[in-house]
Amino acid sequence: MSLMRNLNRALTATTGLHVHRAPAAAPAAPRAAAPKPAAKKPTAVYRCPAPEDLATDRLLRQPVFIMSPVRSGSTLLRMLMNAHPRLHSPHELHIRRLEVGYGSRLSQKAMSALDLERGDLEHLLWDRVMHRELVRSGKDFVVEKTPSNAFVYERIRDCWPDARFVFLLRHPVSIAQSWHEGDPDKRTYDEAAADALRYMKAVDKARKALTGHTVRYEDITAAPEKEMRRLCDFLDIAFEPAMLDYGRKDDAQVVKGLGDWRDKIRTGQVQSGRALPAEDDIPDLLRPMCRAWGYGK
């Protein structure tokens, strides 16, 4: 009989008490490791091809980039341009998100020996994707309209030194309203205004740094032929009346999530824009941009 049993028999007989073994203490919960800070994305190193190197470094010639905020009418503009027999403007391509990585150090060393750093390889990829799309269309010039391109306008300019830029503006309040209405469960009007303002500032910065042609959404909806003639003059191509009836083409390429896809754009013809907001309806957050772009007082 164990010592513990003998002790308990004696204690019970004399005091009525009983000894139990204490339960083992639960192991202490491991301390949560502090979250690691997000790794900073390395800056892409690249060189700007000299004019004499463009023949070997780039397949595209004079690509056109529409620099615009979200919900500014860029889908309408690209559909009008795509209806021109010489211009191909597909849905948003988001080429800036295409990245290149090295599978090994030897791969990196081999590319560096060819004078190709990671940014150079990404530019070759961007150019090839867009050139493939242009060749499939059988047209002369490609037009790219992804709004976030404004955040990397310097890389786009450096990638294609012969690129041409079209700046599309719209009343900042109309942009914020449309951005909110596109997904009201995702963002309140105030959140939509703040988010859209990031794009507006990026476009404004690009517009100050680059040479290009400016067009306003309100002018396109009010006088589409006049504005398309002005745009064609800038691009040095003849105006085509077919641009005003873009819906006659079967390859509209309206893809949800890659530009506007709603009923208004699907009509195939330019529709009237919404009424401009009254001065009192402009929130303080958007007033500086309204003034900078010539809207309001």
Protein backbone atom coordinates (compact mmCIF):
# COMPACT_ATOMS: atom_id res chain seq x y z
CA MET A 1 0.00 0.00 0.00
CA SER A 2 1.39 3.36 -0.89
CA LEU A 3 2.46 6.00 1.57
CA MET A 4 -0.35 8.31 0.38
CA ARG A 5 -3.01 5.68 1.19
CA ASN A 6 -1.59 5.00 4.67
CA LEU A 7 -1.47 8.72 5.40
CA ASN A 8 -5.07 9.25 4.29
CA ARG A 9 -6.34 6.26 6.39
CA ALA A 10 -4.69 7.73 9.48
CA LEU A 11 -5.91 11.29 8.79
CA THR A 12 -9.46 10.14 8.09
CA ALA A 13 -9.59 8.12 11.25
CA THR A 14 -8.32 10.93 13.49
CA THR A 15 -9.42 14.18 11.77
CA GLY A 16 -11.88 13.21 9.04
CA LEU A 17 -9.63 14.95 6.48
CA HIS A 18 -8.39 13.51 3.20
CA VAL A 19 -5.40 14.52 1.09
CA HIS A 20 -5.67 14.78 -2.71
CA ARG A 21 -2.87 15.31 -5.19
CA ALA A 22 -3.00 18.84 -6.63
CA PRO A 23 -3.85 18.85 -10.34
CA ALA A 24 -0.97 19.67 -12.64
CA ALA A 25 -0.87 23.35 -13.59
CA ALA A 26 -1.96 24.06 -17.14
CA PRO A 27 0.97 25.04 -19.33
CA ALA A 28 1.22 28.78 -19.80
CA ALA A 29 -0.17 29.97 -23.10
CA PRO A 30 2.61 30.90 -25.46
CA ARG A 31 3.02 34.62 -25.88
CA ALA A 32 1.77 35.83 -29.24
CA ALA A 33 4.63 36.78 -31.45
CA ALA A 34 4.65 40.43 -32.45
CA PRO A 35 3.48 40.81 -36.03
CA LYS A 36 6.32 41.24 -38.43
CA PRO A 37 6.31 44.55 -40.29
CA ALA A 38 5.26 44.18 -43.90
CA ALA A 39 8.24 43.75 -46.15
CA LYS A 40 8.90 46.77 -48.26
CA LYS A 41 8.55 46.14 -51.95
CA PRO A 42 11.96 46.73 -53.52
CA THR A 43 12.15 49.64 -55.90
CA ALA A 44 12.27 48.45 -59.48
CA VAL A 45 15.53 49.46 -61.11
CA TYR A 46 15.31 50.21 -64.82
CA ARG A 47 16.89 52.32 -67.51
CA CYS A 48 15.17 54.65 -69.93
CA PRO A 49 15.74 53.49 -73.50
CA ALA A 50 17.36 56.07 -75.72
CA PRO A 51 15.52 56.96 -78.94
CA GLU A 52 17.98 54.90 -80.96
CA ASP A 53 17.28 51.86 -78.73
CA LEU A 54 13.50 51.90 -79.12
CA ALA A 55 13.63 49.74 -82.25
CA THR A 56 15.03 46.82 -80.22
CA ASP A 57 13.66 47.56 -76.75
CA ARG A 58 10.01 48.27 -77.63
CA LEU A 59 7.47 46.73 -79.98
CA LEU A 60 4.82 49.42 -79.46
CA ARG A 61 4.97 52.75 -81.18
CA GLN A 62 3.31 55.84 -79.72
CA PRO A 63 0.94 54.09 -77.27
CA VAL A 64 -1.80 56.32 -75.89
CA PHE A 65 -2.56 56.46 -72.17
CA ILE A 66 -5.74 57.97 -70.74
CA MET A 67 -4.85 59.45 -67.35
CA SER A 68 -8.05 59.77 -65.34
CA PRO A 69 -9.48 59.28 -61.86
CA VAL A 70 -11.93 56.49 -61.16
CA ARG A 71 -15.53 57.10 -62.32
CA SER A 72 -14.54 59.96 -64.60
CA GLY A 73 -15.95 58.60 -67.85
CA SER A 74 -12.83 56.80 -69.01
CA THR A 75 -14.82 53.77 -70.21
CA LEU A 76 -16.95 56.03 -72.41
CA LEU A 77 -13.87 57.73 -73.79
CA ARG A 78 -12.09 54.49 -74.56
CA MET A 79 -15.21 53.08 -76.27
CA LEU A 80 -15.39 56.18 -78.47
CA MET A 81 -11.71 55.83 -79.31
CA ASN A 82 -11.99 52.08 -79.87
CA ALA A 83 -14.64 52.74 -82.53
CA HIS A 84 -11.96 54.47 -84.62
CA PRO A 85 -10.49 52.17 -87.27
CA ARG A 86 -6.92 53.03 -86.22
CA LEU A 87 -7.29 52.97 -82.42
CA HIS A 88 -7.60 49.88 -80.26
CA SER A 89 -8.67 50.52 -76.68
CA PRO A 90 -9.36 47.28 -74.76
CA HIS A 91 -10.67 46.99 -71.21
CA GLU A 92 -8.39 48.03 -68.37
CA LEU A 93 -5.15 46.06 -68.57
CA HIS A 94 -3.56 46.88 -65.18
CA ILE A 95 -0.11 46.28 -66.59
CA ARG A 96 1.58 48.06 -63.67
CA ARG A 97 0.67 45.06 -61.51
CA LEU A 98 2.57 42.63 -63.74
CA GLU A 99 5.84 41.89 -61.98
CA VAL A 100 8.94 39.86 -62.77
CA GLY A 101 10.96 37.82 -60.29
CA TYR A 102 14.22 35.89 -60.50
CA GLY A 103 14.14 32.14 -59.99
CA SER A 104 17.76 32.08 -58.86
CA ARG A 105 20.80 34.25 -58.35
CA LEU A 106 22.22 32.88 -61.57
CA SER A 107 19.13 34.08 -63.41
CA GLN A 108 19.58 37.55 -61.95
CA LYS A 109 23.27 37.53 -62.82
CA ALA A 110 22.52 36.44 -66.38
CA MET A 111 19.99 39.23 -66.90
CA SER A 112 22.30 41.83 -65.37
CA ALA A 113 24.98 40.72 -67.81
CA LEU A 114 22.51 41.63 -70.57
CA ASP A 115 22.03 45.07 -68.97
CA LEU A 116 18.51 44.08 -67.90
CA GLU A 117 17.42 44.73 -64.33
CA ARG A 118 14.07 43.76 -62.85
CA GLY A 119 12.36 46.97 -63.93
CA ASP A 120 13.66 46.53 -67.48
CA LEU A 121 12.24 43.02 -67.63
CA GLU A 122 8.88 44.26 -66.37
CA HIS A 123 8.84 46.94 -69.05
CA LEU A 124 9.54 44.33 -71.71
CA LEU A 125 6.62 42.30 -70.36
CA TRP A 126 4.26 45.30 -70.28
CA ASP A 127 5.22 46.21 -73.83
CA ARG A 128 4.78 42.65 -75.10
CA VAL A 129 1.32 42.22 -73.54
CA MET A 130 0.04 45.46 -75.01
CA HIS A 131 1.66 44.81 -78.39
CA ARG A 132 0.05 41.37 -78.52
CA GLU A 133 -3.35 42.94 -77.92
CA LEU A 134 -2.73 45.55 -80.60
CA VAL A 135 -1.62 42.98 -83.19
CA ARG A 136 -4.72 40.89 -82.54
CA SER A 137 -6.87 43.96 -83.22
CA GLY A 138 -5.22 44.71 -86.57
CA LYS A 139 -5.12 48.43 -85.77
CA ASP A 140 -2.31 50.98 -85.56
CA PHE A 141 -2.26 52.37 -82.02
CA VAL A 142 -3.21 51.00 -78.62
CA VAL A 143 -5.03 53.09 -75.99
CA GLU A 144 -4.78 52.09 -72.30
CA LYS A 145 -7.11 53.60 -69.70
CA THR A 146 -6.53 51.96 -66.30
CA PRO A 147 -7.06 54.77 -63.73
CA SER A 148 -4.27 53.59 -61.42
CA ASN A 149 -1.73 54.24 -64.18
CA ALA A 150 -1.68 57.82 -62.91
CA PHE A 151 0.17 56.61 -59.81
CA VAL A 152 3.08 55.39 -61.96
CA TYR A 153 3.05 57.98 -64.72
CA GLU A 154 6.83 58.38 -64.44
CA ARG A 155 7.47 54.69 -65.15
CA ILE A 156 5.05 54.76 -68.08
CA ARG A 157 6.78 57.82 -69.50
CA ASP A 158 10.18 56.19 -69.01
CA CYS A 159 9.03 52.86 -70.45
CA TRP A 160 7.64 54.43 -73.63
CA PRO A 161 9.42 57.74 -74.34
CA ASP A 162 7.17 58.23 -77.38
CA ALA A 163 3.91 57.67 -75.45
CA ARG A 164 1.07 60.14 -75.81
CA PHE A 165 -1.12 61.18 -72.90
CA VAL A 166 -4.79 62.17 -72.71
CA PHE A 167 -5.96 63.70 -69.43
CA LEU A 168 -9.64 63.16 -68.67
CA LEU A 169 -11.17 65.44 -66.04
CA ARG A 170 -14.62 65.48 -64.44
CA HIS A 171 -16.22 67.51 -61.67
CA PRO A 172 -14.70 66.10 -58.44
CA VAL A 173 -18.10 65.89 -56.72
CA SER A 174 -19.57 63.92 -59.63
CA ILE A 175 -16.60 61.54 -59.41
CA ALA A 176 -17.12 61.04 -55.67
CA GLN A 177 -20.87 60.50 -56.08
CA SER A 178 -20.38 57.97 -58.87
CA TRP A 179 -17.65 56.14 -56.90
CA HIS A 180 -19.97 55.89 -53.90
CA GLU A 181 -22.98 54.77 -55.98
CA GLY A 182 -20.89 52.07 -57.64
CA ASP A 183 -20.74 50.16 -54.33
CA PRO A 184 -22.58 51.98 -51.53
CA ASP A 185 -22.18 49.01 -49.16
CA LYS A 186 -18.43 49.13 -49.53
CA ARG A 187 -17.83 52.86 -49.04
CA THR A 188 -19.78 55.79 -47.67
CA TYR A 189 -19.92 59.00 -49.65
CA ASP A 190 -17.21 60.57 -47.46
CA GLU A 191 -14.99 57.50 -47.88
CA ALA A 192 -15.60 57.53 -51.62
CA ALA A 193 -14.66 61.21 -51.82
CA ALA A 194 -11.42 60.66 -49.90
CA ASP A 195 -10.48 57.60 -51.96
CA ALA A 196 -11.31 59.22 -55.30
CA LEU A 197 -9.32 62.29 -54.29
CA ARG A 198 -6.15 60.15 -54.27
CA TYR A 199 -6.69 59.44 -57.96
CA MET A 200 -7.48 63.08 -58.71
CA LYS A 201 -4.26 64.23 -57.08
CA ALA A 202 -2.26 61.62 -59.01
CA VAL A 203 -3.83 62.74 -62.30
CA ASP A 204 -3.21 66.37 -61.43
CA LYS A 205 0.44 65.64 -60.69
CA ALA A 206 0.83 63.72 -63.96
CA ARG A 207 -0.89 66.51 -65.89
CA LYS A 208 1.63 69.02 -64.56
CA ALA A 209 4.61 66.81 -65.37
CA LEU A 210 3.66 65.48 -68.81
CA THR A 211 2.74 67.00 -72.13
CA GLY A 212 -0.64 65.90 -73.41
CA HIS A 213 -4.23 66.70 -74.31
CA THR A 214 -6.92 67.53 -71.75
CA VAL A 215 -10.59 66.68 -72.25
CA ARG A 216 -13.51 66.98 -69.84
CA TYR A 217 -16.26 64.42 -69.36
CA GLU A 218 -18.89 67.16 -69.34
CA ASP A 219 -17.67 68.43 -72.72
CA ILE A 220 -17.71 64.92 -74.22
CA THR A 221 -21.33 64.36 -73.17
CA ALA A 222 -22.39 67.84 -74.32
CA ALA A 223 -20.54 67.99 -77.65
CA PRO A 224 -19.02 64.58 -78.47
CA GLU A 225 -18.18 65.29 -82.11
CA LYS A 226 -16.36 68.50 -81.27
CA GLU A 227 -14.32 66.81 -78.56
CA MET A 228 -13.49 63.76 -80.66
CA ARG A 229 -12.33 65.99 -83.50
CA ARG A 230 -10.04 67.83 -81.10
CA LEU A 231 -8.72 64.53 -79.77
CA CYS A 232 -8.08 63.17 -83.26
CA ASP A 233 -6.19 66.33 -84.16
CA PHE A 234 -3.96 65.77 -81.14
CA LEU A 235 -3.32 62.17 -82.17
CA ASP A 236 -2.71 63.25 -85.78
CA ILE A 237 -5.40 60.97 -87.21
CA ALA A 238 -8.55 61.77 -89.18
CA PHE A 239 -11.82 62.02 -87.30
CA GLU A 240 -14.25 59.16 -87.96
CA PRO A 241 -18.03 59.67 -87.48
CA ALA A 242 -18.25 56.01 -86.38
CA MET A 243 -16.69 57.08 -83.08
CA LEU A 244 -19.98 58.69 -82.03
CA ASP A 245 -21.95 55.46 -82.44
CA TYR A 246 -19.57 53.06 -80.77
CA GLY A 247 -22.35 50.57 -80.02
CA ARG A 248 -22.53 49.44 -83.66
CA LYS A 249 -19.42 47.34 -83.08
CA ASP A 250 -19.81 43.84 -81.64
CA ASP A 251 -16.52 43.82 -79.71
CA ALA A 252 -17.61 46.30 -77.03
CA GLN A 253 -15.51 44.41 -74.45
CA VAL A 254 -17.51 45.65 -71.49
CA VAL A 255 -16.15 43.52 -68.65
CA LYS A 256 -17.37 43.91 -65.07
CA GLY A 257 -14.53 45.01 -62.81
CA LEU A 258 -12.39 46.24 -65.71
CA GLY A 259 -14.19 49.51 -66.30
CA ASP A 260 -17.80 50.66 -66.33
CA TRP A 261 -20.23 47.87 -67.26
CA ARG A 262 -23.62 49.34 -66.40
CA ASP A 263 -26.62 50.05 -68.63
CA LYS A 264 -25.67 53.60 -69.54
CA ILE A 265 -22.40 52.60 -71.18
CA ARG A 266 -24.09 49.64 -72.90
CA THR A 267 -26.42 51.90 -74.89
CA GLY A 268 -23.66 52.36 -77.45
CA GLN A 269 -24.17 56.10 -77.71
CA VAL A 270 -23.08 59.10 -75.67
CA GLN A 271 -25.65 59.89 -72.97
CA SER A 272 -26.16 63.17 -71.12
CA GLY A 273 -24.08 63.58 -67.99
CA ARG A 274 -25.51 64.21 -64.54
CA ALA A 275 -26.24 67.81 -63.49
CA LEU A 276 -23.28 69.56 -61.93
CA PRO A 277 -23.52 70.04 -58.17
CA ALA A 278 -24.40 73.40 -56.66
CA GLU A 279 -21.63 75.34 -54.97
CA ASP A 280 -23.09 74.56 -51.53
CA ASP A 281 -22.98 70.83 -52.29
CA ILE A 282 -19.20 70.78 -52.68
CA PRO A 283 -17.57 69.34 -49.52
CA ASP A 284 -14.55 71.16 -48.14
CA LEU A 285 -12.38 68.14 -48.93
CA LEU A 286 -12.96 68.55 -52.68
CA ARG A 287 -12.99 72.35 -52.96
CA PRO A 288 -9.24 72.75 -53.68
CA MET A 289 -9.42 70.21 -56.53
CA CYS A 290 -12.56 71.85 -57.91
CA ARG A 291 -10.72 75.15 -58.07
CA ALA A 292 -7.61 73.58 -59.58
CA TRP A 293 -9.65 71.99 -62.37
CA GLY A 294 -11.81 75.03 -63.04
CA TYR A 295 -15.08 73.84 -61.51
CA GLY A 296 -17.16 76.12 -59.31
CA LYS A 297 -16.19 79.60 -58.15
